[in-house]
Protein backbone atom coordinates (compact mmCIF):
# COMPACT_ATOMS: atom_id res chain seq x y z
CA MET A 1 -6.44 148.05 48.98
CA GLU A 2 -6.19 144.23 49.13
CA GLN A 3 -4.07 144.07 46.04
CA ASN A 4 -1.50 146.92 47.49
CA GLY A 5 -1.48 144.72 50.64
CA HIS A 6 -3.47 146.98 52.70
CA ALA A 7 -5.77 145.24 55.73
CA GLU A 8 -8.16 148.03 55.74
CA ARG A 9 -11.50 147.68 53.86
CA VAL A 10 -14.00 150.18 52.69
CA ASP A 11 -17.62 149.29 53.38
CA HIS A 12 -20.80 151.23 52.00
CA ARG A 13 -23.39 150.41 54.84
CA SER A 14 -23.43 152.25 57.83
CA TYR A 15 -22.05 151.53 61.14
CA GLU A 16 -25.23 150.54 62.60
CA ARG A 17 -25.85 147.94 59.66
CA GLN A 18 -22.68 146.39 60.35
CA GLY A 19 -23.31 146.17 64.17
CA ILE A 20 -20.42 148.53 65.00
CA ASP A 21 -21.04 150.08 68.09
CA GLN A 22 -19.54 153.55 67.17
CA ILE A 23 -21.08 157.41 66.05
CA PRO A 24 -19.97 158.17 62.50
CA THR A 25 -17.78 161.37 61.99
CA VAL A 26 -19.32 163.60 59.80
CA HIS A 27 -17.91 164.77 55.95
CA LEU A 28 -15.66 167.65 56.23
CA GLY A 29 -16.18 168.85 52.91
CA VAL A 30 -13.30 170.52 50.67
CA ALA A 31 -13.43 173.82 52.35
CA ALA A 32 -13.21 172.47 55.87
CA SER A 33 -11.05 170.08 55.28
CA ALA A 34 -8.36 172.52 53.89
CA MET A 35 -8.80 174.58 56.82
CA GLU A 36 -8.32 171.81 58.80
CA LYS A 37 -4.89 171.29 57.42
CA ARG A 38 -3.67 174.52 57.59
CA GLY A 39 -4.63 174.01 61.19
CA ILE A 40 -7.83 175.98 61.24
CA ARG A 41 -10.07 174.92 63.48
CA THR A 42 -13.75 174.32 61.94
CA GLU A 43 -17.13 173.53 63.31
CA ARG A 44 -17.15 170.11 61.40
CA GLY A 45 -14.00 169.30 62.62
CA ASP A 46 -14.74 170.22 66.55
CA LEU A 47 -17.59 167.95 66.07
CA ASN A 48 -15.67 165.23 64.47
CA ARG A 49 -13.06 165.43 67.39
CA GLU A 50 -15.55 164.97 70.11
CA ILE A 51 -16.96 162.02 68.37
CA GLU A 52 -13.72 160.66 68.35
CA VAL A 53 -13.45 161.44 71.90
CA THR A 54 -16.94 159.85 72.81
CA ASN A 55 -15.76 156.74 70.64
CA GLN A 56 -12.89 156.17 72.70
CA LYS A 57 -15.01 156.44 75.98
CA LEU A 58 -17.62 153.79 74.35
CA ARG A 59 -14.41 151.51 73.21
CA GLN A 60 -13.57 151.71 77.15
CA LEU A 61 -16.62 151.36 78.59
CA LYS A 62 -17.40 148.21 76.12
CA ALA A 63 -14.03 146.67 77.21
CA ARG A 64 -15.01 147.26 81.05
CA ILE A 65 -18.44 145.61 80.03
CA SER A 66 -16.83 142.67 78.37
CA LYS A 67 -14.68 142.03 81.14
CA LEU A 68 -17.57 142.33 83.88
CA GLN A 69 -19.39 139.67 81.85
CA ASN A 70 -16.21 137.25 81.60
CA TRP A 71 -15.91 137.55 85.32
CA LEU A 72 -19.32 136.96 85.82
CA LYS A 73 -19.59 133.97 83.50
CA GLU A 74 -16.27 132.61 85.67
CA GLU A 75 -18.24 133.21 89.12
CA ALA A 76 -21.39 131.68 87.62
CA GLU A 77 -19.16 128.54 86.53
CA ASN A 78 -17.51 128.09 89.65
CA THR A 79 -20.17 128.62 91.86
CA GLU A 80 -21.08 125.39 93.85
CA PRO A 81 -24.19 124.62 95.75
CA PRO A 82 -24.24 124.62 99.44
CA THR A 83 -22.84 121.94 101.34
CA LEU A 84 -24.56 120.05 104.12
CA ALA A 85 -21.98 121.80 106.37
CA ASP A 86 -23.03 125.53 105.22
CA TYR A 87 -26.91 124.54 105.33
CA ILE A 88 -26.08 123.28 109.09
CA GLN A 89 -23.91 126.40 109.98
CA GLY A 90 -26.53 128.66 108.74
CA ILE A 91 -29.40 126.85 111.27
CA LEU A 92 -26.76 127.29 114.03
CA SER A 93 -25.69 130.75 113.52
CA ARG A 94 -29.49 132.08 113.23
CA LYS A 95 -30.08 129.66 116.49
CA VAL A 96 -27.19 131.75 118.26
CA GLN A 97 -28.49 134.91 117.08
CA THR A 98 -31.66 134.32 118.26
CA GLY A 99 -30.54 133.44 121.84
CA LYS A 100 -32.09 129.94 121.54
CA PRO A 101 -30.78 128.39 125.17
CA GLY A 102 -31.14 124.56 123.84
CA TYR A 103 -28.67 124.91 121.12
CA SER A 104 -26.16 126.13 123.32
CA GLN A 105 -26.46 123.92 126.42
CA SER A 106 -26.86 120.37 124.63
CA LEU A 107 -24.88 118.96 121.86
CA TYR A 108 -24.66 122.20 119.98
CA ASN A 109 -21.97 123.70 122.06
CA LEU A 110 -19.11 125.21 119.92
CA LYS A 111 -16.73 122.08 120.43
CA ASP A 112 -19.30 119.82 119.00
CA ALA A 113 -20.27 122.00 116.47
CA ALA A 114 -16.77 122.53 115.28
CA LYS A 115 -16.06 118.59 114.79
CA MET A 116 -19.43 118.44 113.17
CA LEU A 117 -19.08 121.17 110.43
CA ASN A 118 -14.92 119.96 110.05
CA PHE A 119 -16.35 116.40 109.72
CA LEU A 120 -18.90 117.38 107.22
CA GLN A 121 -16.49 119.88 105.30
CA THR A 122 -13.20 117.78 105.07
CA ASN A 123 -15.34 114.42 103.38
CA ASN A 124 -17.10 117.39 100.99
CA ILE A 125 -20.50 116.05 102.26
CA MET A 126 -23.29 117.82 100.21
CA ASP A 127 -26.66 116.58 101.63
CA MET A 128 -27.81 113.72 104.25
CA THR A 129 -27.25 110.93 101.28
CA GLY A 130 -23.73 111.77 101.49
CA LEU A 131 -23.63 111.88 104.96
CA ASP A 132 -25.03 108.57 105.15
CA GLU A 133 -23.16 106.86 102.50
CA LYS A 134 -19.70 108.24 104.25
CA PHE A 135 -21.00 106.69 107.33
CA LYS A 136 -21.70 103.19 105.46
CA SER A 137 -18.02 103.36 103.71
CA MET A 138 -16.44 103.73 107.30
CA ILE A 139 -18.56 100.38 108.54
CA GLY A 140 -17.68 98.79 105.64
CA GLU A 141 -13.87 99.70 106.24
CA GLN A 142 -14.06 98.33 109.54
CA LEU A 143 -15.63 95.09 108.35
CA ASP A 144 -12.87 95.04 105.41
CA ILE A 145 -10.19 95.04 108.21
CA GLN A 146 -11.90 92.41 109.87
CA GLY A 147 -11.78 90.24 106.89
CA LYS A 148 -8.38 90.68 106.59
CA LEU A 149 -7.28 89.85 109.95
CA LYS A 150 -8.91 86.52 110.27
CA PRO A 151 -6.41 84.90 107.79
CA VAL A 152 -3.47 87.02 109.18
CA GLU A 153 -4.18 85.52 112.64
CA ARG A 154 -5.03 81.93 111.21
CA ARG A 155 -1.66 82.13 109.45
CA LEU A 156 0.48 83.23 112.54
CA GLY A 157 -1.26 80.46 114.64
CA THR A 158 -0.20 77.98 112.32
CA LEU A 159 3.60 79.57 111.65
CA LYS A 160 3.76 79.73 115.34
CA LYS A 161 3.06 76.08 115.81
CA HIS A 162 5.50 75.06 113.07
CA LEU A 163 8.25 77.09 114.67
CA GLU A 164 7.43 75.46 118.30
CA GLN A 165 7.47 72.11 116.59
CA ALA A 166 11.14 72.62 114.51
CA ASP A 167 12.68 74.19 117.60
CA ILE A 168 11.74 70.91 119.88
CA TYR A 169 12.90 68.88 116.90
CA PHE A 170 16.29 70.52 116.61
CA LYS A 171 16.74 70.59 120.32
CA CYS A 172 15.94 66.87 120.88
CA LYS A 173 17.83 65.94 117.65
CA GLY A 174 21.13 66.25 118.82
CA LYS A 175 20.95 65.11 122.10
CA LYS A 176 22.04 61.80 123.62
CA PRO A 177 20.25 60.30 125.41
CA LEU A 178 16.98 61.53 125.55
CA THR A 179 14.74 61.20 128.41
CA GLU A 180 11.27 59.79 127.92
CA ALA A 181 9.50 62.81 127.65
CA GLU A 182 11.89 64.27 125.43
CA GLN A 183 11.81 61.26 123.11
CA ILE A 184 7.82 61.63 123.20
CA LEU A 185 8.11 65.49 122.15
CA PHE A 186 10.93 64.66 119.77
CA THR A 187 8.68 62.20 118.06
CA THR A 188 5.60 64.23 118.10
CA ALA A 189 7.64 66.78 116.53
CA LYS A 190 9.24 64.64 113.79
CA ASP A 191 5.86 63.46 112.76
CA TYR A 192 4.38 66.79 112.68
CA LEU A 193 6.93 68.35 110.52
CA LYS A 194 6.67 65.15 108.38
CA GLY A 195 3.10 65.83 107.90
CA ILE A 196 3.36 69.66 106.61
CA MET A 197 6.52 69.18 104.99
CA ASN A 198 4.92 67.00 101.72
CA GLY A 199 8.22 65.27 100.99
CA LYS A 200 10.40 67.91 101.46
CA THR A 201 13.57 67.40 103.75
CA THR A 202 14.89 70.46 104.37
CA ILE A 203 12.79 72.54 107.20
CA PRO A 204 12.20 76.01 106.01
CA THR A 205 12.80 77.92 109.74
CA LYS A 206 14.14 80.91 108.46
CA THR A 207 11.51 81.42 106.04
CA TRP A 208 8.86 80.72 108.38
CA LYS A 209 10.38 83.24 111.01
CA GLU A 210 10.34 85.78 108.19
CA GLU A 211 6.93 85.47 107.35
CA TYR A 212 6.02 85.41 110.97
CA THR A 213 7.54 88.56 111.49
CA LYS A 214 6.03 90.17 108.31
CA LEU A 215 2.53 89.02 109.25
CA THR A 216 2.92 90.42 112.93
CA ALA A 217 4.07 93.98 111.67
CA GLU A 218 1.05 93.70 109.27
CA ARG A 219 -1.38 92.43 112.18
CA LYS A 220 -0.06 95.57 114.08
CA THR A 221 -0.74 97.82 111.18
CA LEU A 222 -4.39 96.61 110.59
CA ASN A 223 -5.03 96.60 114.63
CA GLN A 224 -4.13 100.19 114.70
CA ARG A 225 -6.23 101.28 111.90
CA TYR A 226 -8.95 99.20 113.24
CA LEU A 227 -8.83 100.80 116.57
CA ALA A 228 -8.35 104.27 115.17
CA LEU A 229 -11.44 103.66 112.70
CA LYS A 230 -13.75 102.41 115.52
CA GLU A 231 -13.23 105.63 117.35
CA GLU A 232 -13.53 107.22 114.10
CA VAL A 233 -17.12 105.27 113.37
CA LYS A 234 -18.02 106.48 116.79
CA GLU A 235 -17.48 110.17 116.28
CA ALA A 236 -19.34 109.76 113.16
CA GLU A 237 -22.25 108.03 114.63
CA LYS A 238 -22.56 111.01 117.17
CA ILE A 239 -22.28 113.64 114.37
CA ARG A 240 -24.75 111.57 112.09
CA LYS A 241 -27.48 111.67 114.89
CA SER A 242 -26.49 115.47 115.82
CA VAL A 243 -27.43 116.49 112.21
CA TYR A 244 -30.58 114.55 111.96
CA SER A 245 -31.54 116.07 115.48
CA ILE A 246 -30.90 119.62 114.11
CA LEU A 247 -32.71 118.98 110.86
CA ARG A 248 -35.67 117.68 112.82
CA GLN A 249 -36.03 120.59 115.10
CA GLU A 250 -35.50 122.92 112.34
CA GLN A 251 -38.11 120.95 110.15
CA ARG A 252 -40.55 121.09 113.29
CA GLU A 253 -39.83 125.06 113.89
CA GLN A 254 -40.48 125.76 110.21
CA GLN A 255 -44.09 124.05 110.15
CA PRO A 256 -45.88 126.58 111.98
CA HIS A 257 -44.49 129.40 109.56
CA ARG A 258 -45.19 127.45 106.79
CA LYS A 259 -49.12 126.81 108.18
CA GLN A 260 -49.29 130.70 108.94
CA ASP A 261 -48.18 131.24 105.07
CA MET A 262 -50.96 128.75 103.91
CA GLU A 263 -53.48 130.36 106.03
CA ARG A 264 -52.84 133.72 104.83
């Protein structure tokens, strides 16, 4: 068969020994084979036809099992452990079903519960460690913004003084005569600018104004983020306390059951 280009091969081993899940057909023999060729049905021919139908059903069943196994494998791989939100939601659902009044009259109302679960799900928080880390990171971001604001505020103060002294200098420079007060202001501004120019003769008023505008916008952005984050941290702290409260209460309620189980 190989020499003549056929893909089929002959194997003397049984299907069982070859590991093939298939029922073997019976040997027709010369007489039965001749009768089948002439269209005459034989007992062995009918048996082989039944075997072929059965084998076809076995192949279909095997294909379905294979698909089912692949699906189960994919589901097992895609299955993720329950998140903290799942756990909290389960606790609250049980409390609602059992009619615990304390869970609907305090911080566990629908609005607060929705905020709590949304916060945990949005931040993909899996456990209490994750919740604590998220809260710490928010505090850290607050401190980071404060750290960025300080040099911006200092530089804006410096630029403001630069621009004020430059404005006095240019106003008094071309005015004749100067009053005594104006002369004092002019001299002070001139000395101030000379001290910051480091030998340069051109006063970079335009550059200072551009930098001042840019830093003012940056300060506004940082302040907005800081104020928004301040509210977020406040809400996160409330959620964190609520979660701890729920877990502590759940633990207290579970302790009598565990004690009873141990006594049994």
